C-alpha cells in the first residue's frame, strides 16, 4: 500500500513521540477543548519530558482557568499515562506495506460466497484505427484495449501519444507532478513483445495511466502534493501500482493533488479541470 501522510507536523517532547492532534484529542476528552489550555500545555511539552502540576498551574493562568490541586493531579496522571502509552506504541516497528487494521466484507451472513475459479469474459467491440491517431485520445478504455489486443496500435504508440499530450497540456492544467516516461516506455516495449509472443494480460494490456501522487512508485518522488515532501523518494511500489503493472497498464505520470490530499492547491500551483 502507499504511505499515508500525516496531517499534522510531528513534534515530540523529549522521550516521547506524541503528535499535537492526539494530544489535543486527549485534552478534548477531559473537557478542555474549548479553552486555551491544550495549546499552552503543548507548547510547554516541547521543552520538558512530561506534564507536571506546576506546568499545569502556569498554563491555567494563561488560559484563564483555575483548578484545585486534586483536579490538577488527576489530569496530570491521565496525560502522562497516555504519553507513556503513545511512546510505547511508537516503539513498534511496522513496515509501510502493512495495511491498516480495517476490513469490509459486503457478503450478507446468510449468503455463501461463490467458489471455483474466476472467469473473465470481456465484451469485444469492433474498432478500427483512425487515420489520425490523436482521435483516440478520449476514446473509452474498451476501445483502446481492442486497438492494442488486435495489434492495430502498439502499446509504445499509445504510450507516446499520451506522453506527448502531457508535454503539451500538462503545464496549463498543472495536473502533473512527475512524468514517468522512461518507466512507461520500458513497460510498453515489454508489453508489445509479450503480445507478439501470444501473451495477452487482459483489457489493461498496454493502456497508459496516471497515478495520484499519494501512491509510491519506486525510483520516483512521492510528494503528497506538499512542499516538505517534494524530494521524497520511497523505495517501493504501492499495491495498486504493483497490481496495475501486473495487469499490463503503463504508468505515464504521477498526478497532482491538493497538499496532503486536501483541496486542489499543491506546492506547484492549482490543479485545473480541463473541462
C-alpha atoms as a PDB file:
ATOM      1  CA  UNK A   1       0.000   0.000   0.000  1.00  0.00           C
ATOM      2  CA  UNK A   2       1.040   3.556  -0.319  1.00  0.00           C
ATOM      3  CA  UNK A   3       2.188   5.517   2.722  1.00  0.00           C
ATOM      4  CA  UNK A   4      -0.362   7.652   4.462  1.00  0.00           C
ATOM      5  CA  UNK A   5       0.752  11.235   5.058  1.00  0.00           C
ATOM      6  CA  UNK A   6       0.340  12.758   8.487  1.00  0.00           C
ATOM      7  CA  UNK A   7      -1.997  15.733   8.593  1.00  0.00           C
ATOM      8  CA  UNK A   8      -0.150  17.347  11.485  1.00  0.00           C
ATOM      9  CA  UNK A   9       3.527  18.212  11.585  1.00  0.00           C
ATOM     10  CA  UNK A  10       5.026  15.776  14.094  1.00  0.00           C
ATOM     11  CA  UNK A  11       6.559  17.380  17.116  1.00  0.00           C
ATOM     12  CA  UNK A  12       7.783  15.323  20.039  1.00  0.00           C
ATOM     13  CA  UNK A  13       8.677  16.177  23.580  1.00  0.00           C
ATOM     14  CA  UNK A  14      11.953  14.665  24.786  1.00  0.00           C
ATOM     15  CA  UNK A  15      11.495  10.966  25.469  1.00  0.00           C
ATOM     16  CA  UNK A  16       8.016  10.806  23.879  1.00  0.00           C
ATOM     17  CA  UNK A  17       6.513  10.552  20.434  1.00  0.00           C
ATOM     18  CA  UNK A  18       3.152  12.265  20.820  1.00  0.00           C
ATOM     19  CA  UNK A  19       1.738  14.321  17.976  1.00  0.00           C
ATOM     20  CA  UNK A  20      -0.210  17.521  18.522  1.00  0.00           C
ATOM     21  CA  UNK A  21      -3.510  16.184  17.149  1.00  0.00           C
ATOM     22  CA  UNK A  22      -3.537  13.222  19.554  1.00  0.00           C
ATOM     23  CA  UNK A  23      -2.627  15.478  22.454  1.00  0.00           C
ATOM     24  CA  UNK A  24      -5.471  17.876  21.610  1.00  0.00           C
ATOM     25  CA  UNK A  25      -7.882  14.946  21.313  1.00  0.00           C
ATOM     26  CA  UNK A  26      -6.872  13.737  24.772  1.00  0.00           C
ATOM     27  CA  UNK A  27      -7.453  17.215  26.218  1.00  0.00           C
ATOM     28  CA  UNK A  28     -10.821  17.253  24.472  1.00  0.00           C
ATOM     29  CA  UNK A  29     -11.733  14.028  26.238  1.00  0.00           C
ATOM     30  CA  UNK A  30     -11.014  15.846  29.503  1.00  0.00           C
ATOM     31  CA  UNK A  31     -13.422  18.630  28.517  1.00  0.00           C
ATOM     32  CA  UNK A  32     -10.720  21.210  27.773  1.00  0.00           C
ATOM     33  CA  UNK A  33     -11.078  21.576  24.013  1.00  0.00           C
ATOM     34  CA  UNK A  34     -12.882  24.915  24.263  1.00  0.00           C
ATOM     35  CA  UNK A  35     -10.057  26.609  26.165  1.00  0.00           C
ATOM     36  CA  UNK A  36      -6.523  27.838  25.517  1.00  0.00           C
ATOM     37  CA  UNK A  37      -5.146  25.294  27.960  1.00  0.00           C
ATOM     38  CA  UNK A  38      -4.324  22.474  25.486  1.00  0.00           C
ATOM     39  CA  UNK A  39      -2.304  24.814  23.263  1.00  0.00           C
ATOM     40  CA  UNK A  40      -0.346  26.250  26.175  1.00  0.00           C
ATOM     41  CA  UNK A  41       0.380  22.790  27.565  1.00  0.00           C
ATOM     42  CA  UNK A  42       1.532  21.565  24.157  1.00  0.00           C
ATOM     43  CA  UNK A  43       3.983  24.452  23.866  1.00  0.00           C
ATOM     44  CA  UNK A  44       5.438  23.673  27.305  1.00  0.00           C
ATOM     45  CA  UNK A  45       5.693  19.964  26.459  1.00  0.00           C
ATOM     46  CA  UNK A  46       8.217  20.779  23.743  1.00  0.00           C
ATOM     47  CA  UNK A  47      10.661  21.776  26.484  1.00  0.00           C
ATOM     48  CA  UNK A  48      10.091  19.114  29.171  1.00  0.00           C
ATOM     49  CA  UNK A  49       9.556  15.336  29.101  1.00  0.00           C
ATOM     50  CA  UNK A  50       6.202  15.249  30.880  1.00  0.00           C
ATOM     51  CA  UNK A  51       3.376  17.335  32.314  1.00  0.00           C
ATOM     52  CA  UNK A  52       3.712  18.422  35.948  1.00  0.00           C
ATOM     53  CA  UNK A  53       1.257  20.115  38.272  1.00  0.00           C
ATOM     54  CA  UNK A  54       3.467  23.219  38.156  1.00  0.00           C
ATOM     55  CA  UNK A  55       3.268  23.351  34.363  1.00  0.00           C
ATOM     56  CA  UNK A  56      -0.493  22.886  34.562  1.00  0.00           C
ATOM     57  CA  UNK A  57      -0.816  25.710  37.114  1.00  0.00           C
ATOM     58  CA  UNK A  58       1.189  28.059  34.859  1.00  0.00           C
ATOM     59  CA  UNK A  59      -0.942  27.124  31.859  1.00  0.00           C
ATOM     60  CA  UNK A  60      -4.120  27.820  33.821  1.00  0.00           C
ATOM     61  CA  UNK A  61      -3.082  31.454  34.257  1.00  0.00           C
ATOM     62  CA  UNK A  62      -2.631  31.962  30.523  1.00  0.00           C
ATOM     63  CA  UNK A  63      -5.902  30.196  29.711  1.00  0.00           C
ATOM     64  CA  UNK A  64      -7.880  31.999  32.404  1.00  0.00           C
ATOM     65  CA  UNK A  65      -8.796  28.794  34.237  1.00  0.00           C
ATOM     66  CA  UNK A  66      -8.473  27.582  37.797  1.00  0.00           C
ATOM     67  CA  UNK A  67      -8.297  24.009  39.111  1.00  0.00           C
ATOM     68  CA  UNK A  68      -7.943  22.553  42.571  1.00  0.00           C
ATOM     69  CA  UNK A  69      -4.749  20.643  43.441  1.00  0.00           C
ATOM     70  CA  UNK A  70      -6.752  17.424  43.316  1.00  0.00           C
ATOM     71  CA  UNK A  71      -8.060  18.205  39.821  1.00  0.00           C
ATOM     72  CA  UNK A  72      -4.555  19.035  38.613  1.00  0.00           C
ATOM     73  CA  UNK A  73      -3.184  15.789  39.985  1.00  0.00           C
ATOM     74  CA  UNK A  74      -5.919  13.801  38.254  1.00  0.00           C
ATOM     75  CA  UNK A  75      -5.285  15.496  34.885  1.00  0.00           C
ATOM     76  CA  UNK A  76      -1.514  15.170  35.159  1.00  0.00           C
ATOM     77  CA  UNK A  77      -1.717  11.438  35.873  1.00  0.00           C
ATOM     78  CA  UNK A  78      -4.008  10.844  32.905  1.00  0.00           C
ATOM     79  CA  UNK A  79      -1.974  12.913  30.462  1.00  0.00           C
ATOM     80  CA  UNK A  80       1.371  11.391  31.443  1.00  0.00           C
ATOM     81  CA  UNK A  81      -0.058   7.869  31.340  1.00  0.00           C
ATOM     82  CA  UNK A  82      -1.121   8.492  27.760  1.00  0.00           C
ATOM     83  CA  UNK A  83       2.261   9.994  26.894  1.00  0.00           C
ATOM     84  CA  UNK A  84       3.904   6.749  28.031  1.00  0.00           C
ATOM     85  CA  UNK A  85       1.368   4.633  26.140  1.00  0.00           C
ATOM     86  CA  UNK A  86       1.906   6.550  22.900  1.00  0.00           C
ATOM     87  CA  UNK A  87       5.681   6.287  23.276  1.00  0.00           C
ATOM     88  CA  UNK A  88       5.372   2.500  23.744  1.00  0.00           C
ATOM     89  CA  UNK A  89       3.142   2.204  20.675  1.00  0.00           C
ATOM     90  CA  UNK A  90       5.627   4.103  18.526  1.00  0.00           C
ATOM     91  CA  UNK A  91       8.429   1.759  19.530  1.00  0.00           C
ATOM     92  CA  UNK A  92       6.726  -0.947  17.464  1.00  0.00           C
ATOM     93  CA  UNK A  93       8.325  -1.099  14.012  1.00  0.00           C
ATOM     94  CA  UNK A  94       5.531  -1.538  11.472  1.00  0.00           C
ATOM     95  CA  UNK A  95       6.650  -1.737   7.816  1.00  0.00           C
ATOM     96  CA  UNK A  96       4.956   0.656   5.427  1.00  0.00           C
ATOM     97  CA  UNK A  97       3.444  -2.212   3.411  1.00  0.00           C
ATOM     98  CA  UNK A  98       1.355  -3.417   6.389  1.00  0.00           C
ATOM     99  CA  UNK A  99      -2.208  -2.167   5.735  1.00  0.00           C
ATOM    100  CA  UNK A 100      -4.348  -0.514   8.421  1.00  0.00           C
ATOM    101  CA  UNK A 101      -6.407  -2.852  10.586  1.00  0.00           C
ATOM    102  CA  UNK A 102      -9.543  -2.145   8.577  1.00  0.00           C
ATOM    103  CA  UNK A 103     -11.675  -4.527   6.590  1.00  0.00           C
ATOM    104  CA  UNK A 104     -15.021  -4.645   4.841  1.00  0.00           C
ATOM    105  CA  UNK A 105     -16.848  -7.785   3.779  1.00  0.00           C
ATOM    106  CA  UNK A 106     -20.043  -6.971   1.839  1.00  0.00           C
ATOM    107  CA  UNK A 107     -21.285 -10.579   1.845  1.00  0.00           C
ATOM    108  CA  UNK A 108     -24.509 -10.892   3.891  1.00  0.00           C
ATOM    109  CA  UNK A 109     -24.172 -13.510   6.662  1.00  0.00           C
ATOM    110  CA  UNK A 110     -26.881 -15.687   5.107  1.00  0.00           C
ATOM    111  CA  UNK A 111     -25.145 -15.879   1.720  1.00  0.00           C
ATOM    112  CA  UNK A 112     -22.391 -18.292   0.732  1.00  0.00           C
ATOM    113  CA  UNK A 113     -19.688 -16.643  -1.397  1.00  0.00           C
ATOM    114  CA  UNK A 114     -19.227 -18.195  -4.844  1.00  0.00           C
ATOM    115  CA  UNK A 115     -16.426 -20.701  -5.182  1.00  0.00           C
ATOM    116  CA  UNK A 116     -14.320 -22.029  -8.027  1.00  0.00           C
ATOM    117  CA  UNK A 117     -12.020 -20.294 -10.483  1.00  0.00           C
ATOM    118  CA  UNK A 118     -12.797 -16.742 -11.559  1.00  0.00           C
ATOM    119  CA  UNK A 119     -13.768 -16.333 -15.197  1.00  0.00           C
ATOM    120  CA  UNK A 120     -13.478 -13.018 -17.007  1.00  0.00           C
ATOM    121  CA  UNK A 121     -15.336 -12.656 -20.299  1.00  0.00           C
ATOM    122  CA  UNK A 122     -14.674  -9.236 -21.843  1.00  0.00           C
ATOM    123  CA  UNK A 123     -17.108  -7.754 -24.316  1.00  0.00           C
ATOM    124  CA  UNK A 124     -15.477  -7.331 -27.722  1.00  0.00           C
ATOM    125  CA  UNK A 125     -16.133  -4.076 -29.578  1.00  0.00           C
ATOM    126  CA  UNK A 126     -15.210  -3.794 -33.243  1.00  0.00           C
ATOM    127  CA  UNK A 127     -12.967  -0.763 -33.663  1.00  0.00           C
ATOM    128  CA  UNK A 128     -10.634   0.424 -36.391  1.00  0.00           C
ATOM    129  CA  UNK A 129      -7.568   2.586 -36.132  1.00  0.00           C
ATOM    130  CA  UNK A 130      -8.336   6.160 -37.275  1.00  0.00           C
ATOM    131  CA  UNK A 131      -6.183   7.900 -39.855  1.00  0.00           C
ATOM    132  CA  UNK A 132      -5.127  10.398 -37.179  1.00  0.00           C
ATOM    133  CA  UNK A 133      -4.175   8.538 -34.009  1.00  0.00           C
ATOM    134  CA  UNK A 134      -4.809  11.680 -31.932  1.00  0.00           C
ATOM    135  CA  UNK A 135      -8.520  10.976 -32.330  1.00  0.00           C
ATOM    136  CA  UNK A 136      -8.257   8.109 -29.835  1.00  0.00           C
ATOM    137  CA  UNK A 137      -7.121  10.428 -27.018  1.00  0.00           C
ATOM    138  CA  UNK A 138     -10.602  10.454 -25.478  1.00  0.00           C
ATOM    139  CA  UNK A 139     -11.759   7.030 -26.577  1.00  0.00           C
ATOM    140  CA  UNK A 140     -13.081   4.766 -23.819  1.00  0.00           C
ATOM    141  CA  UNK A 141     -10.746   2.156 -22.416  1.00  0.00           C
ATOM    142  CA  UNK A 142     -12.741  -0.672 -24.024  1.00  0.00           C
ATOM    143  CA  UNK A 143     -11.962   0.741 -27.473  1.00  0.00           C
ATOM    144  CA  UNK A 144      -8.300   1.379 -26.693  1.00  0.00           C
ATOM    145  CA  UNK A 145      -7.977  -2.165 -25.369  1.00  0.00           C
ATOM    146  CA  UNK A 146      -9.283  -3.584 -28.646  1.00  0.00           C
ATOM    147  CA  UNK A 147      -6.843  -1.496 -30.691  1.00  0.00           C
ATOM    148  CA  UNK A 148      -3.974  -2.940 -28.652  1.00  0.00           C
ATOM    149  CA  UNK A 149      -5.311  -6.501 -28.496  1.00  0.00           C
ATOM    150  CA  UNK A 150      -5.815  -6.658 -32.274  1.00  0.00           C
ATOM    151  CA  UNK A 151      -2.368  -5.052 -32.732  1.00  0.00           C
ATOM    152  CA  UNK A 152      -3.734  -2.128 -34.751  1.00  0.00           C
ATOM    153  CA  UNK A 153      -1.922   0.144 -32.306  1.00  0.00           C
ATOM    154  CA  UNK A 154       1.138  -0.823 -30.303  1.00  0.00           C
ATOM    155  CA  UNK A 155       1.491  -0.139 -26.599  1.00  0.00           C
ATOM    156  CA  UNK A 156       4.507   2.045 -27.420  1.00  0.00           C
ATOM    157  CA  UNK A 157       2.473   4.149 -29.878  1.00  0.00           C
ATOM    158  CA  UNK A 158      -0.326   4.629 -27.384  1.00  0.00           C
ATOM    159  CA  UNK A 159       2.075   5.467 -24.582  1.00  0.00           C
ATOM    160  CA  UNK A 160       3.948   8.029 -26.697  1.00  0.00           C
ATOM    161  CA  UNK A 161       0.614   9.588 -27.692  1.00  0.00           C
ATOM    162  CA  UNK A 162      -0.302  10.303 -24.080  1.00  0.00           C
ATOM    163  CA  UNK A 163       3.216  11.344 -23.101  1.00  0.00           C
ATOM    164  CA  UNK A 164       3.117  13.911 -25.929  1.00  0.00           C
ATOM    165  CA  UNK A 165      -0.243  15.212 -24.699  1.00  0.00           C
ATOM    166  CA  UNK A 166       1.124  15.552 -21.160  1.00  0.00           C
ATOM    167  CA  UNK A 167       4.067  17.542 -22.518  1.00  0.00           C
ATOM    168  CA  UNK A 168       1.733  19.867 -24.463  1.00  0.00           C
ATOM    169  CA  UNK A 169      -1.035  20.409 -21.923  1.00  0.00           C
ATOM    170  CA  UNK A 170       0.380  19.468 -18.511  1.00  0.00           C
ATOM    171  CA  UNK A 171       1.821  22.897 -17.679  1.00  0.00           C
ATOM    172  CA  UNK A 172      -1.501  24.646 -18.386  1.00  0.00           C
ATOM    173  CA  UNK A 173      -3.584  22.236 -16.335  1.00  0.00           C
ATOM    174  CA  UNK A 174      -0.976  21.936 -13.549  1.00  0.00           C
ATOM    175  CA  UNK A 175      -2.140  18.337 -13.294  1.00  0.00           C
ATOM    176  CA  UNK A 176       1.217  16.543 -13.461  1.00  0.00           C
ATOM    177  CA  UNK A 177       3.917  16.405 -10.791  1.00  0.00           C
ATOM    178  CA  UNK A 178       6.273  13.841 -12.326  1.00  0.00           C
ATOM    179  CA  UNK A 179       6.323  12.335 -15.823  1.00  0.00           C
ATOM    180  CA  UNK A 180       7.473   8.703 -15.659  1.00  0.00           C
ATOM    181  CA  UNK A 181       8.465   8.492 -19.333  1.00  0.00           C
ATOM    182  CA  UNK A 182      11.388   6.078 -19.026  1.00  0.00           C
ATOM    183  CA  UNK A 183       9.373   3.639 -16.928  1.00  0.00           C
ATOM    184  CA  UNK A 184       6.329   3.874 -19.197  1.00  0.00           C
ATOM    185  CA  UNK A 185       8.218   3.253 -22.436  1.00  0.00           C
ATOM    186  CA  UNK A 186      10.113   0.319 -20.946  1.00  0.00           C
ATOM    187  CA  UNK A 187       6.801  -1.196 -19.844  1.00  0.00           C
ATOM    188  CA  UNK A 188       5.196  -0.571 -23.242  1.00  0.00           C
ATOM    189  CA  UNK A 189       8.075  -2.183 -25.138  1.00  0.00           C
ATOM    190  CA  UNK A 190       7.907  -5.260 -22.937  1.00  0.00           C
ATOM    191  CA  UNK A 191       4.124  -5.493 -23.349  1.00  0.00           C
ATOM    192  CA  UNK A 192       4.419  -5.307 -27.146  1.00  0.00           C
ATOM    193  CA  UNK A 193       6.942  -8.135 -27.053  1.00  0.00           C
ATOM    194  CA  UNK A 194       4.591 -10.236 -24.932  1.00  0.00           C
ATOM    195  CA  UNK A 195       1.679  -9.624 -27.291  1.00  0.00           C
ATOM    196  CA  UNK A 196       3.831 -10.626 -30.267  1.00  0.00           C
ATOM    197  CA  UNK A 197       4.549 -13.888 -28.442  1.00  0.00           C
ATOM    198  CA  UNK A 198       0.840 -14.527 -27.846  1.00  0.00           C
ATOM    199  CA  UNK A 199       0.634 -13.410 -24.215  1.00  0.00           C
ATOM    200  CA  UNK A 200      -2.254 -11.018 -23.548  1.00  0.00           C
ATOM    201  CA  UNK A 201      -2.684  -9.847 -19.958  1.00  0.00           C
ATOM    202  CA  UNK A 202      -6.226  -8.567 -20.356  1.00  0.00           C
ATOM    203  CA  UNK A 203      -8.063  -5.317 -21.104  1.00  0.00           C
ATOM    204  CA  UNK A 204      -5.405  -3.158 -19.406  1.00  0.00           C
ATOM    205  CA  UNK A 205      -2.595  -4.578 -21.560  1.00  0.00           C
ATOM    206  CA  UNK A 206      -0.687  -1.594 -22.966  1.00  0.00           C
ATOM    207  CA  UNK A 207      -3.081   1.025 -21.573  1.00  0.00           C
ATOM    208  CA  UNK A 208      -1.376   4.218 -20.255  1.00  0.00           C
ATOM    209  CA  UNK A 209      -2.499   5.567 -16.891  1.00  0.00           C
ATOM    210  CA  UNK A 210      -1.594   8.203 -14.303  1.00  0.00           C
ATOM    211  CA  UNK A 211      -1.228   7.695 -10.536  1.00  0.00           C
ATOM    212  CA  UNK A 212      -2.270  10.264  -7.975  1.00  0.00           C
ATOM    213  CA  UNK A 213       0.909  11.301  -6.178  1.00  0.00           C
ATOM    214  CA  UNK A 214      -0.221   9.712  -2.938  1.00  0.00           C
ATOM    215  CA  UNK A 215       0.903   6.410  -4.446  1.00  0.00           C
ATOM    216  CA  UNK A 216       4.513   5.343  -4.035  1.00  0.00           C
ATOM    217  CA  UNK A 217       6.443   4.408  -7.189  1.00  0.00           C
ATOM    218  CA  UNK A 218       9.958   3.067  -6.775  1.00  0.00           C
ATOM    219  CA  UNK A 219      12.585   5.387  -8.243  1.00  0.00           C
ATOM    220  CA  UNK A 220      10.328   8.450  -8.468  1.00  0.00           C
ATOM    221  CA  UNK A 221       9.320  11.142  -5.954  1.00  0.00           C
ATOM    222  CA  UNK A 222       6.155  10.674  -3.922  1.00  0.00           C
ATOM    223  CA  UNK A 223       5.342  14.217  -2.844  1.00  0.00           C
ATOM    224  CA  UNK A 224       1.788  14.008  -1.474  1.00  0.00           C
ATOM    225  CA  UNK A 225       1.426  17.427  -3.148  1.00  0.00           C
ATOM    226  CA  UNK A 226       3.201  19.091  -0.207  1.00  0.00           C
ATOM    227  CA  UNK A 227       6.374  21.193  -0.405  1.00  0.00           C
ATOM    228  CA  UNK A 228       8.168  19.488   2.542  1.00  0.00           C
ATOM    229  CA  UNK A 229       7.976  16.169   0.652  1.00  0.00           C
ATOM    230  CA  UNK A 230       8.902  17.495  -2.801  1.00  0.00           C
ATOM    231  CA  UNK A 231      12.073  15.366  -2.947  1.00  0.00           C
ATOM    232  CA  UNK A 232      10.781  12.340  -1.021  1.00  0.00           C
ATOM    233  CA  UNK A 233      11.506   9.023  -2.777  1.00  0.00           C
ATOM    234  CA  UNK A 234      10.044   5.831  -1.292  1.00  0.00           C
ATOM    235  CA  UNK A 235      11.836   2.644  -2.282  1.00  0.00           C
ATOM    236  CA  UNK A 236       8.716   0.606  -3.012  1.00  0.00           C
ATOM    237  CA  UNK A 237       5.648   0.425  -5.220  1.00  0.00           C
ATOM    238  CA  UNK A 238       2.188   0.956  -3.795  1.00  0.00           C
ATOM    239  CA  UNK A 239      -0.056  -2.103  -4.005  1.00  0.00           C
ATOM    240  CA  UNK A 240      -2.294  -0.504  -6.633  1.00  0.00           C
ATOM    241  CA  UNK A 241       0.767   0.375  -8.746  1.00  0.00           C
ATOM    242  CA  UNK A 242       2.089  -3.169  -8.498  1.00  0.00           C
ATOM    243  CA  UNK A 243      -1.278  -4.673  -9.427  1.00  0.00           C
ATOM    244  CA  UNK A 244      -1.718  -2.402 -12.424  1.00  0.00           C
ATOM    245  CA  UNK A 245       1.808  -3.292 -13.525  1.00  0.00           C
ATOM    246  CA  UNK A 246       0.825  -6.946 -13.360  1.00  0.00           C
ATOM    247  CA  UNK A 247      -2.358  -6.231 -15.343  1.00  0.00           C
ATOM    248  CA  UNK A 248      -0.312  -4.628 -18.134  1.00  0.00           C
ATOM    249  CA  UNK A 249      -1.015  -0.926 -17.647  1.00  0.00           C
ATOM    250  CA  UNK A 250       1.828   1.534 -18.389  1.00  0.00           C
ATOM    251  CA  UNK A 251       2.325   4.324 -15.844  1.00  0.00           C
ATOM    252  CA  UNK A 252       2.982   7.604 -17.697  1.00  0.00           C
ATOM    253  CA  UNK A 253       2.806  10.158 -14.868  1.00  0.00           C
ATOM    254  CA  UNK A 254       2.256  10.923 -11.224  1.00  0.00           C
ATOM    255  CA  UNK A 255      -0.612  13.383 -10.970  1.00  0.00           C
ATOM    256  CA  UNK A 256      -1.209  16.380  -8.758  1.00  0.00           C
ATOM    257  CA  UNK A 257      -3.423  16.576  -5.715  1.00  0.00           C
ATOM    258  CA  UNK A 258      -4.060  19.161  -3.035  1.00  0.00           C
ATOM    259  CA  UNK A 259      -1.322  19.218  -0.399  1.00  0.00           C
ATOM    260  CA  UNK A 260      -1.718  16.122   1.787  1.00  0.00           C
ATOM    261  CA  UNK A 261      -4.814  15.200  -0.264  1.00  0.00           C
ATOM    262  CA  UNK A 262      -6.768  18.297   0.792  1.00  0.00           C
ATOM    263  CA  UNK A 263      -8.300  20.650  -1.763  1.00  0.00           C
ATOM    264  CA  UNK A 264      -6.767  21.394  -5.167  1.00  0.00           C
ATOM    265  CA  UNK A 265      -3.781  23.605  -4.255  1.00  0.00           C
ATOM    266  CA  UNK A 266      -0.399  21.896  -4.266  1.00  0.00           C
ATOM    267  CA  UNK A 267       3.162  23.205  -3.967  1.00  0.00           C
ATOM    268  CA  UNK A 268       3.454  23.845  -7.714  1.00  0.00           C
ATOM    269  CA  UNK A 269       0.101  25.509  -8.359  1.00  0.00           C
ATOM    270  CA  UNK A 270      -3.573  24.643  -8.507  1.00  0.00           C
ATOM    271  CA  UNK A 271      -4.897  21.600 -10.328  1.00  0.00           C
ATOM    272  CA  UNK A 272      -7.282  22.645 -13.089  1.00  0.00           C
ATOM    273  CA  UNK A 273     -10.197  20.702 -14.529  1.00  0.00           C
ATOM    274  CA  UNK A 274      -9.609  20.503 -18.310  1.00  0.00           C
ATOM    275  CA  UNK A 275     -13.336  20.932 -18.945  1.00  0.00           C
END
